[in-house]
Each structure stands twice: as structure tokens, then as C-alpha cells.
Amino acid sequence: MTSTTVIELLYAVVTIVFIVAGLTMVGMAVRAYVQTGRTAMLHLSIGFSLAVAGAAATLISAFYNDFEGTRSLLLVKSSLFTVGFLFIIYSLVVYE
């Protein structure tokens, strides 16, 4: 097993763990929104959903394109993470 293969495998494992943790947070935020009706929880779930989408899209694209075009992949991931975290920050600011 080459070092490149190990790095790719580690990247996949860490990203999958992030996706599972993020989807858990999305589920918890949606459940909190249903129970409380607070829109902050809806914004929180949207934020985590975007972060998870960025991670998943990057992971799938990276393996599909054999890790070519890494700048584009990083741009997509960073953009979705940034917008997602803006939603998370907004949910904290408007929470009463």
C-alpha cells in the first residue's frame, strides 16, 4: 500500500466520520425545531446540511476525478462550509 493510497483512505474515513457527525447534528437540530418551533434551529440544520454537502461533494468528486482539479474541489468545499457556518452563526445570533 503506497503512501498516497493511505492518505486517500484516511481522507475518506475522516470525511465519512464528519458526514455522519454532521448528519447527526442536522437530525438533532431538526428535532429541536419540531419540538420548539424556533427558527434558529432550522437555520442551524441548514448550516450543518451545507457543511455536510460540501464534505460529501468534495469526497465524491475527489475519487471520481482521481484527485485532479483539487483547486476546484477546495473552492466548492470552502464555499459550502463558509455559507454553512454563516447559517450556524446566524442561528446563534438570533436565538433567544
C-alpha atoms as a PDB file:
ATOM      1  CA  MET A   1       0.000   0.000   0.000  1.00  0.00           C
ATOM      2  CA  THR A   2       1.543   3.298  -1.095  1.00  0.00           C
ATOM      3  CA  SER A   3       1.578   6.445   0.989  1.00  0.00           C
ATOM      4  CA  THR A   4      -0.820   8.071  -1.491  1.00  0.00           C
ATOM      5  CA  THR A   5      -3.313   5.239  -1.011  1.00  0.00           C
ATOM      6  CA  VAL A   6      -3.048   5.537   2.764  1.00  0.00           C
ATOM      7  CA  ILE A   7      -3.643   9.282   2.614  1.00  0.00           C
ATOM      8  CA  GLU A   8      -6.647   8.814   0.327  1.00  0.00           C
ATOM      9  CA  LEU A   9      -8.061   6.161   2.649  1.00  0.00           C
ATOM     10  CA  LEU A  10      -7.552   8.363   5.709  1.00  0.00           C
ATOM     11  CA  TYR A  11      -9.201  11.276   3.893  1.00  0.00           C
ATOM     12  CA  ALA A  12     -12.209   9.097   3.067  1.00  0.00           C
ATOM     13  CA  VAL A  13     -12.537   7.772   6.625  1.00  0.00           C
ATOM     14  CA  VAL A  14     -12.215  11.178   8.279  1.00  0.00           C
ATOM     15  CA  THR A  15     -14.687  12.723   5.831  1.00  0.00           C
ATOM     16  CA  ILE A  16     -17.201   9.925   6.362  1.00  0.00           C
ATOM     17  CA  VAL A  17     -16.948  10.400  10.130  1.00  0.00           C
ATOM     18  CA  PHE A  18     -17.511  14.149   9.608  1.00  0.00           C
ATOM     19  CA  ILE A  19     -20.542  13.434   7.405  1.00  0.00           C
ATOM     20  CA  VAL A  20     -22.077  11.081   9.979  1.00  0.00           C
ATOM     21  CA  ALA A  21     -21.452  13.555  12.810  1.00  0.00           C
ATOM     22  CA  GLY A  22     -22.834  16.418  10.710  1.00  0.00           C
ATOM     23  CA  LEU A  23     -25.962  14.495   9.780  1.00  0.00           C
ATOM     24  CA  THR A  24     -26.432  13.681  13.466  1.00  0.00           C
ATOM     25  CA  MET A  25     -26.325  17.409  14.199  1.00  0.00           C
ATOM     26  CA  VAL A  26     -28.796  18.069  11.385  1.00  0.00           C
ATOM     27  CA  GLY A  27     -31.171  15.490  12.854  1.00  0.00           C
ATOM     28  CA  MET A  28     -30.844  16.948  16.337  1.00  0.00           C
ATOM     29  CA  ALA A  29     -31.458  20.480  15.064  1.00  0.00           C
ATOM     30  CA  VAL A  30     -34.500  19.404  13.053  1.00  0.00           C
ATOM     31  CA  ARG A  31     -35.892  17.569  16.078  1.00  0.00           C
ATOM     32  CA  ALA A  32     -35.324  20.677  18.215  1.00  0.00           C
ATOM     33  CA  TYR A  33     -37.066  22.796  15.570  1.00  0.00           C
ATOM     34  CA  VAL A  34     -40.083  20.465  15.522  1.00  0.00           C
ATOM     35  CA  GLN A  35     -40.264  20.412  19.333  1.00  0.00           C
ATOM     36  CA  THR A  36     -39.741  24.133  19.942  1.00  0.00           C
ATOM     37  CA  GLY A  37     -40.678  25.863  16.691  1.00  0.00           C
ATOM     38  CA  ARG A  38     -37.591  28.083  16.988  1.00  0.00           C
ATOM     39  CA  THR A  39     -36.381  29.187  13.583  1.00  0.00           C
ATOM     40  CA  ALA A  40     -32.823  29.302  14.937  1.00  0.00           C
ATOM     41  CA  MET A  41     -32.863  25.507  14.961  1.00  0.00           C
ATOM     42  CA  LEU A  42     -33.952  25.500  11.332  1.00  0.00           C
ATOM     43  CA  HIS A  43     -31.036  27.790  10.441  1.00  0.00           C
ATOM     44  CA  LEU A  44     -28.722  25.536  12.419  1.00  0.00           C
ATOM     45  CA  SER A  45     -29.874  22.468  10.488  1.00  0.00           C
ATOM     46  CA  ILE A  46     -29.402  24.285   7.175  1.00  0.00           C
ATOM     47  CA  GLY A  47     -25.893  25.306   8.197  1.00  0.00           C
ATOM     48  CA  PHE A  48     -24.841  21.784   9.104  1.00  0.00           C
ATOM     49  CA  SER A  49     -26.518  20.437   5.958  1.00  0.00           C
ATOM     50  CA  LEU A  50     -24.431  22.754   3.790  1.00  0.00           C
ATOM     51  CA  ALA A  51     -21.221  21.764   5.581  1.00  0.00           C
ATOM     52  CA  VAL A  52     -22.066  18.084   5.119  1.00  0.00           C
ATOM     53  CA  ALA A  53     -22.935  18.689   1.459  1.00  0.00           C
ATOM     54  CA  GLY A  54     -19.556  20.360   0.940  1.00  0.00           C
ATOM     55  CA  ALA A  55     -17.708  17.461   2.518  1.00  0.00           C
ATOM     56  CA  ALA A  56     -19.699  14.820   0.647  1.00  0.00           C
ATOM     57  CA  ALA A  57     -19.436  16.577  -2.718  1.00  0.00           C
ATOM     58  CA  THR A  58     -15.697  17.010  -2.294  1.00  0.00           C
ATOM     59  CA  LEU A  59     -15.187  13.392  -1.272  1.00  0.00           C
ATOM     60  CA  ILE A  60     -17.215  12.022  -4.176  1.00  0.00           C
ATOM     61  CA  SER A  61     -15.661  14.384  -6.719  1.00  0.00           C
ATOM     62  CA  ALA A  62     -12.137  13.724  -5.486  1.00  0.00           C
ATOM     63  CA  PHE A  63     -12.392   9.978  -6.013  1.00  0.00           C
ATOM     64  CA  TYR A  64     -14.435  10.306  -9.207  1.00  0.00           C
ATOM     65  CA  ASN A  65     -11.851  12.644 -10.773  1.00  0.00           C
ATOM     66  CA  ASP A  66      -8.866  10.769  -9.301  1.00  0.00           C
ATOM     67  CA  PHE A  67      -7.963  13.807  -7.192  1.00  0.00           C
ATOM     68  CA  GLU A  68      -7.474  16.036 -10.239  1.00  0.00           C
ATOM     69  CA  GLY A  69      -8.644  19.650 -10.072  1.00  0.00           C
ATOM     70  CA  THR A  70      -8.012  19.989  -6.366  1.00  0.00           C
ATOM     71  CA  ARG A  71      -8.332  23.769  -6.512  1.00  0.00           C
ATOM     72  CA  SER A  72     -11.902  23.480  -7.764  1.00  0.00           C
ATOM     73  CA  LEU A  73     -12.678  20.870  -5.133  1.00  0.00           C
ATOM     74  CA  LEU A  74     -11.320  23.071  -2.383  1.00  0.00           C
ATOM     75  CA  LEU A  75     -13.265  26.065  -3.679  1.00  0.00           C
ATOM     76  CA  VAL A  76     -16.529  24.125  -3.621  1.00  0.00           C
ATOM     77  CA  LYS A  77     -15.835  22.724  -0.155  1.00  0.00           C
ATOM     78  CA  SER A  78     -14.760  26.064   1.283  1.00  0.00           C
ATOM     79  CA  SER A  79     -17.743  27.857  -0.244  1.00  0.00           C
ATOM     80  CA  LEU A  80     -20.280  25.401   1.157  1.00  0.00           C
ATOM     81  CA  PHE A  81     -18.540  25.333   4.535  1.00  0.00           C
ATOM     82  CA  THR A  82     -18.471  29.140   4.678  1.00  0.00           C
ATOM     83  CA  VAL A  83     -22.144  29.561   3.828  1.00  0.00           C
ATOM     84  CA  GLY A  84     -22.998  26.727   6.219  1.00  0.00           C
ATOM     85  CA  PHE A  85     -21.086  28.312   9.060  1.00  0.00           C
ATOM     86  CA  LEU A  86     -22.715  31.665   8.338  1.00  0.00           C
ATOM     87  CA  PHE A  87     -26.084  29.949   8.869  1.00  0.00           C
ATOM     88  CA  ILE A  88     -24.768  28.402  12.100  1.00  0.00           C
ATOM     89  CA  ILE A  89     -23.535  31.782  13.328  1.00  0.00           C
ATOM     90  CA  TYR A  90     -26.859  33.372  12.380  1.00  0.00           C
ATOM     91  CA  SER A  91     -28.721  30.694  14.337  1.00  0.00           C
ATOM     92  CA  LEU A  92     -26.680  31.603  17.409  1.00  0.00           C
ATOM     93  CA  VAL A  93     -27.210  35.340  16.958  1.00  0.00           C
ATOM     94  CA  VAL A  94     -30.996  35.159  16.570  1.00  0.00           C
ATOM     95  CA  TYR A  95     -31.525  32.523  19.274  1.00  0.00           C
ATOM     96  CA  GLU A  96     -33.497  33.981  22.178  1.00  0.00           C
END
